[in-house]
N, C-alpha and C. Protein backbone atom coordinates (compact mmCIF):
# COMPACT_ATOMS: atom_id res chain seq x y z
N MET A 1 11.57 33.18 55.27
CA MET A 1 11.92 33.94 54.16
C MET A 1 11.74 33.14 52.93
N ARG A 2 11.77 33.86 51.71
CA ARG A 2 11.54 33.24 50.36
C ARG A 2 12.65 33.76 49.57
N HIS A 3 13.35 32.89 48.82
CA HIS A 3 14.30 33.29 47.83
C HIS A 3 13.88 33.74 46.57
N ASN A 4 14.66 34.51 45.84
CA ASN A 4 14.38 35.03 44.49
C ASN A 4 14.39 33.90 43.49
N TYR A 5 15.10 32.80 43.83
CA TYR A 5 15.34 31.80 42.87
C TYR A 5 14.77 30.36 43.43
N GLY A 6 14.78 29.35 42.60
CA GLY A 6 14.25 28.09 42.91
C GLY A 6 12.80 28.04 43.29
N LYS A 7 12.43 27.05 44.12
CA LYS A 7 11.02 26.95 44.40
C LYS A 7 10.62 28.13 45.30
N SER A 8 9.26 28.47 45.30
CA SER A 8 8.85 29.59 46.05
C SER A 8 8.39 29.38 47.47
N TRP A 9 8.95 28.25 47.90
CA TRP A 9 8.69 27.76 49.33
C TRP A 9 9.16 28.79 50.31
N TRP A 10 8.42 28.88 51.46
CA TRP A 10 8.98 29.67 52.68
C TRP A 10 10.11 28.73 53.31
N THR A 11 11.04 29.28 53.81
CA THR A 11 12.15 28.41 54.28
C THR A 11 12.86 29.22 55.44
N LEU A 12 13.96 28.69 55.93
CA LEU A 12 14.83 29.29 56.95
C LEU A 12 16.06 29.76 56.32
N PRO A 13 16.78 30.76 56.84
CA PRO A 13 18.01 31.26 56.38
C PRO A 13 19.02 30.16 56.39
N GLY A 14 20.00 30.23 55.51
CA GLY A 14 21.03 29.20 55.54
C GLY A 14 21.98 29.37 54.43
N GLY A 15 23.02 28.53 54.38
CA GLY A 15 23.99 28.68 53.33
C GLY A 15 25.24 27.74 53.53
N ARG A 16 26.21 27.83 52.76
CA ARG A 16 27.32 27.00 52.85
C ARG A 16 28.34 27.52 53.96
N ILE A 17 29.11 26.58 54.44
CA ILE A 17 30.14 26.85 55.34
C ILE A 17 31.34 27.14 54.54
N LYS A 18 31.97 28.32 54.69
CA LYS A 18 33.28 28.57 53.87
C LYS A 18 34.40 27.90 54.40
N LYS A 19 35.41 27.72 53.57
CA LYS A 19 36.66 27.06 54.01
C LYS A 19 37.19 27.77 55.28
N HIS A 20 37.63 27.02 56.22
CA HIS A 20 38.18 27.57 57.40
C HIS A 20 37.29 28.28 58.17
N GLU A 21 35.98 28.07 58.12
CA GLU A 21 34.94 28.60 58.87
C GLU A 21 34.27 27.65 59.68
N THR A 22 33.91 27.86 61.03
CA THR A 22 33.23 26.87 61.79
C THR A 22 31.72 27.01 61.50
N PRO A 23 30.90 25.92 61.79
CA PRO A 23 29.50 26.06 61.52
C PRO A 23 28.82 27.34 62.28
N GLU A 24 29.40 27.55 63.49
CA GLU A 24 28.86 28.71 64.30
C GLU A 24 29.21 29.95 63.63
N GLU A 25 30.35 30.15 63.04
CA GLU A 25 30.78 31.28 62.34
C GLU A 25 29.87 31.51 61.02
N ALA A 26 29.53 30.42 60.45
CA ALA A 26 28.72 30.52 59.14
C ALA A 26 27.38 30.84 59.50
N VAL A 27 26.83 30.36 60.59
CA VAL A 27 25.34 30.72 60.89
C VAL A 27 25.32 32.21 61.19
N ARG A 28 26.24 32.80 61.96
CA ARG A 28 26.23 34.14 62.22
C ARG A 28 26.41 34.98 60.96
N ARG A 29 27.29 34.64 59.99
CA ARG A 29 27.53 35.22 58.88
C ARG A 29 26.25 35.23 57.91
N GLU A 30 25.68 33.94 57.74
CA GLU A 30 24.56 33.89 56.83
C GLU A 30 23.33 34.70 57.37
N MET A 31 23.09 34.71 58.65
CA MET A 31 22.00 35.57 59.24
C MET A 31 22.26 36.98 58.97
N LYS A 32 23.44 37.48 59.20
CA LYS A 32 23.77 38.97 58.92
C LYS A 32 23.65 39.20 57.38
N GLU A 33 24.17 38.30 56.48
CA GLU A 33 24.10 38.56 55.10
C GLU A 33 22.66 38.60 54.59
N GLU A 34 22.00 37.50 54.87
CA GLU A 34 20.58 37.33 54.37
C GLU A 34 19.62 38.22 54.97
N LEU A 35 19.60 38.38 56.24
CA LEU A 35 18.46 39.17 56.87
C LEU A 35 19.00 40.48 57.71
N GLY A 36 20.30 40.64 57.79
CA GLY A 36 20.80 41.79 58.55
C GLY A 36 20.45 41.61 60.01
N VAL A 37 20.38 40.35 60.47
CA VAL A 37 20.13 40.12 61.84
C VAL A 37 21.45 39.62 62.52
N GLU A 38 21.66 40.14 63.72
CA GLU A 38 22.75 39.59 64.50
C GLU A 38 22.28 38.68 65.60
N ILE A 39 22.85 37.47 65.66
CA ILE A 39 22.44 36.44 66.55
C ILE A 39 23.38 36.41 67.74
N ILE A 40 22.71 35.82 68.92
CA ILE A 40 23.48 35.83 70.10
C ILE A 40 23.53 34.28 70.57
N SER A 41 24.57 33.78 70.91
CA SER A 41 24.79 32.42 71.46
C SER A 41 24.06 31.33 70.61
N PRO A 42 24.55 31.08 69.36
CA PRO A 42 23.86 30.03 68.58
C PRO A 42 24.13 28.71 69.29
N ALA A 43 23.08 27.96 69.35
CA ALA A 43 23.16 26.62 69.96
C ALA A 43 22.92 25.56 68.93
N ARG A 44 23.71 24.62 68.64
CA ARG A 44 23.55 23.52 67.78
C ARG A 44 22.41 22.56 68.28
N ILE A 45 21.42 22.40 67.37
CA ILE A 45 20.30 21.54 67.78
C ILE A 45 20.32 20.30 66.96
N GLY A 46 21.25 20.09 66.14
CA GLY A 46 21.37 18.81 65.46
C GLY A 46 21.84 18.92 63.97
N GLN A 47 21.88 17.84 63.26
CA GLN A 47 22.30 17.80 61.93
C GLN A 47 21.69 16.68 61.20
N PHE A 48 21.59 16.69 59.96
CA PHE A 48 21.18 15.54 59.08
C PHE A 48 21.76 15.72 57.73
N LEU A 49 21.70 14.51 57.04
CA LEU A 49 22.20 14.40 55.58
C LEU A 49 21.07 14.68 54.59
N TYR A 50 21.29 15.59 53.73
CA TYR A 50 20.29 15.97 52.72
C TYR A 50 20.72 15.42 51.42
N THR A 51 20.01 14.48 50.75
CA THR A 51 20.49 13.87 49.55
C THR A 51 19.50 14.04 48.44
N SER A 52 18.54 14.99 48.48
CA SER A 52 17.63 15.19 47.45
C SER A 52 18.28 16.10 46.31
N GLU A 53 17.61 16.05 45.17
CA GLU A 53 17.92 17.01 44.12
C GLU A 53 19.40 16.83 43.64
N TYR A 54 19.93 15.67 43.72
CA TYR A 54 21.23 15.28 43.25
C TYR A 54 22.30 15.92 44.10
N LYS A 55 21.98 16.26 45.40
CA LYS A 55 22.85 16.83 46.29
C LYS A 55 23.26 15.82 47.42
N ARG A 56 24.25 16.14 48.03
CA ARG A 56 24.71 15.33 49.27
C ARG A 56 25.27 16.34 50.22
N ASP A 57 24.38 16.95 51.07
CA ASP A 57 24.86 18.04 51.99
C ASP A 57 24.60 17.70 53.41
N THR A 58 25.45 17.96 54.28
CA THR A 58 25.26 17.87 55.75
C THR A 58 24.65 19.27 56.18
N ILE A 59 23.41 19.08 56.67
CA ILE A 59 22.76 20.34 57.23
C ILE A 59 22.90 20.44 58.70
N VAL A 60 23.58 21.49 59.16
CA VAL A 60 23.90 21.62 60.53
C VAL A 60 22.81 22.71 61.03
N CYS A 61 22.11 22.42 62.07
CA CYS A 61 20.97 23.29 62.44
C CYS A 61 21.24 24.01 63.84
N PHE A 62 20.83 25.24 63.91
CA PHE A 62 20.97 26.02 65.17
C PHE A 62 19.77 26.67 65.50
N ALA A 63 19.73 27.06 66.77
CA ALA A 63 18.71 27.87 67.40
C ALA A 63 19.62 29.12 68.02
N ALA A 64 19.01 30.29 68.08
CA ALA A 64 19.75 31.38 68.64
C ALA A 64 18.78 32.47 69.06
N LYS A 65 19.20 33.34 69.93
CA LYS A 65 18.44 34.68 70.16
C LYS A 65 19.05 35.62 69.32
N ILE A 66 18.24 36.77 69.05
CA ILE A 66 18.66 37.83 68.25
C ILE A 66 18.81 39.07 69.09
N LYS A 67 19.59 40.04 68.47
CA LYS A 67 19.68 41.30 69.26
C LYS A 67 18.63 42.29 68.91
N ASP A 68 17.97 42.20 67.76
CA ASP A 68 16.93 43.13 67.26
C ASP A 68 16.08 42.46 66.25
N LYS A 69 14.85 42.60 66.27
CA LYS A 69 13.98 41.95 65.34
C LYS A 69 13.79 42.49 64.06
N ARG A 70 14.40 43.74 63.82
CA ARG A 70 14.40 44.30 62.51
C ARG A 70 15.09 43.54 61.50
N ILE A 71 14.36 43.31 60.24
CA ILE A 71 14.95 42.60 59.23
C ILE A 71 15.33 43.53 58.15
N SER A 72 16.52 43.38 57.60
CA SER A 72 17.09 44.13 56.50
C SER A 72 17.57 43.11 55.43
N SER A 73 16.63 42.56 54.60
CA SER A 73 17.05 41.45 53.79
C SER A 73 17.75 41.98 52.46
N ASP A 74 18.58 41.05 52.07
CA ASP A 74 19.33 41.25 50.84
C ASP A 74 18.46 40.98 49.65
N ARG A 75 17.87 42.04 49.09
CA ARG A 75 16.88 41.85 48.00
C ARG A 75 17.36 41.23 46.78
N ARG A 76 18.73 41.11 46.52
CA ARG A 76 19.26 40.38 45.48
C ARG A 76 19.02 38.87 45.49
N GLU A 77 18.83 38.42 46.72
CA GLU A 77 18.77 37.01 47.07
C GLU A 77 17.37 36.72 47.75
N ILE A 78 16.78 37.52 48.52
CA ILE A 78 15.65 37.27 49.25
C ILE A 78 14.41 38.08 48.70
N LEU A 79 13.40 37.38 48.46
CA LEU A 79 12.16 38.03 47.84
C LEU A 79 11.40 38.62 48.92
N GLU A 80 11.13 37.86 50.10
CA GLU A 80 10.47 38.27 51.19
C GLU A 80 10.99 37.61 52.48
N ALA A 81 10.96 38.33 53.61
CA ALA A 81 11.35 37.86 54.95
C ALA A 81 10.54 38.43 55.97
N ARG A 82 10.08 37.67 56.98
CA ARG A 82 9.21 38.03 58.08
C ARG A 82 9.33 37.14 59.21
N TRP A 83 9.10 37.61 60.44
CA TRP A 83 8.89 36.75 61.54
C TRP A 83 7.55 36.15 61.60
N CYS A 84 7.41 34.87 61.93
CA CYS A 84 6.20 34.12 61.99
C CYS A 84 6.04 33.24 63.23
N PRO A 85 4.93 33.14 63.78
CA PRO A 85 4.81 32.07 64.90
C PRO A 85 4.83 30.67 64.24
N ARG A 86 5.48 29.67 65.07
CA ARG A 86 5.47 28.45 64.54
C ARG A 86 4.17 27.80 64.28
N GLU A 87 3.09 28.07 64.97
CA GLU A 87 1.78 27.55 64.81
C GLU A 87 1.08 28.30 63.62
N ASN A 88 1.65 29.27 62.91
CA ASN A 88 1.01 29.85 61.82
C ASN A 88 2.08 30.23 60.74
N LEU A 89 2.67 29.24 60.26
CA LEU A 89 3.71 29.41 59.27
C LEU A 89 3.09 29.73 57.87
N PRO A 90 3.72 30.57 57.02
CA PRO A 90 3.20 30.85 55.75
C PRO A 90 3.32 29.46 54.85
N GLN A 91 2.50 29.49 53.85
CA GLN A 91 2.54 28.21 52.97
C GLN A 91 2.85 28.72 51.53
N PRO A 92 3.45 27.85 50.72
CA PRO A 92 4.01 26.67 51.00
C PRO A 92 5.25 26.69 51.84
N PHE A 93 5.55 25.75 52.76
CA PHE A 93 6.69 25.82 53.67
C PHE A 93 7.51 24.67 53.31
N SER A 94 8.90 24.81 53.20
CA SER A 94 9.86 23.99 52.84
C SER A 94 9.85 22.69 53.67
N PRO A 95 9.86 21.48 53.16
CA PRO A 95 9.99 20.28 53.96
C PRO A 95 11.22 20.18 54.83
N ILE A 96 12.28 20.79 54.27
CA ILE A 96 13.59 20.78 55.06
C ILE A 96 13.46 21.70 56.22
N ALA A 97 12.83 22.89 55.97
CA ALA A 97 12.65 23.78 57.10
C ALA A 97 11.75 23.23 58.17
N ALA A 98 10.69 22.51 57.70
CA ALA A 98 9.75 21.80 58.76
C ALA A 98 10.55 20.81 59.46
N ARG A 99 11.50 20.09 58.91
CA ARG A 99 12.18 19.08 59.67
C ARG A 99 13.07 19.78 60.70
N ILE A 100 13.71 20.93 60.34
CA ILE A 100 14.56 21.72 61.28
C ILE A 100 13.78 22.18 62.40
N LEU A 101 12.55 22.73 62.12
CA LEU A 101 11.71 23.28 63.20
C LEU A 101 11.37 22.15 64.11
N GLY A 102 11.04 20.87 63.50
CA GLY A 102 10.76 19.75 64.33
C GLY A 102 11.93 19.39 65.27
N MET A 103 13.16 19.47 64.81
CA MET A 103 14.33 19.29 65.68
C MET A 103 14.37 20.25 66.88
N TRP A 104 14.08 21.55 66.44
CA TRP A 104 14.04 22.68 67.49
C TRP A 104 13.00 22.33 68.53
N GLN A 105 11.85 21.90 68.18
CA GLN A 105 10.66 21.74 69.01
C GLN A 105 10.92 20.56 70.03
N GLN A 106 11.70 19.53 69.46
CA GLN A 106 12.05 18.37 70.35
C GLN A 106 13.09 18.82 71.38
N ARG A 107 13.94 19.75 70.97
CA ARG A 107 14.98 20.10 71.91
C ARG A 107 14.29 21.02 72.99
N GLU A 108 13.39 21.89 72.61
CA GLU A 108 12.66 22.55 73.64
C GLU A 108 11.80 21.77 74.58
N ASP A 109 11.28 20.67 73.98
CA ASP A 109 10.52 19.77 74.89
C ASP A 109 11.31 19.10 75.86
N LYS A 110 12.56 18.83 75.59
CA LYS A 110 13.45 18.17 76.57
C LYS A 110 13.92 19.17 77.69
N ASP A 111 13.93 20.47 77.29
CA ASP A 111 14.45 21.43 78.39
C ASP A 111 13.38 21.77 79.42
């Protein structure tokens, strides 16, 4: 997906964890809000500290199955959204999203 704001990189859905919300609840909410997608059994694949652009955020990463591939993106926030194979990602692709996909690939390689 690409946001309507900031850099025009392709990236992955995400957002802040609200007060009194677990990371698992946040990933379910963000996927529903941004893409209209309901996820099943989110599995934490890792986390890292992001300190670029004067930020200090902990990025918690998940992999999950989805109930339906239809995307209904929030046009106020999302410029474009689509499913893409990992071996043919649209460019330019966010370095943070690439790092997360690398974590996912490492997890799959272990299974």
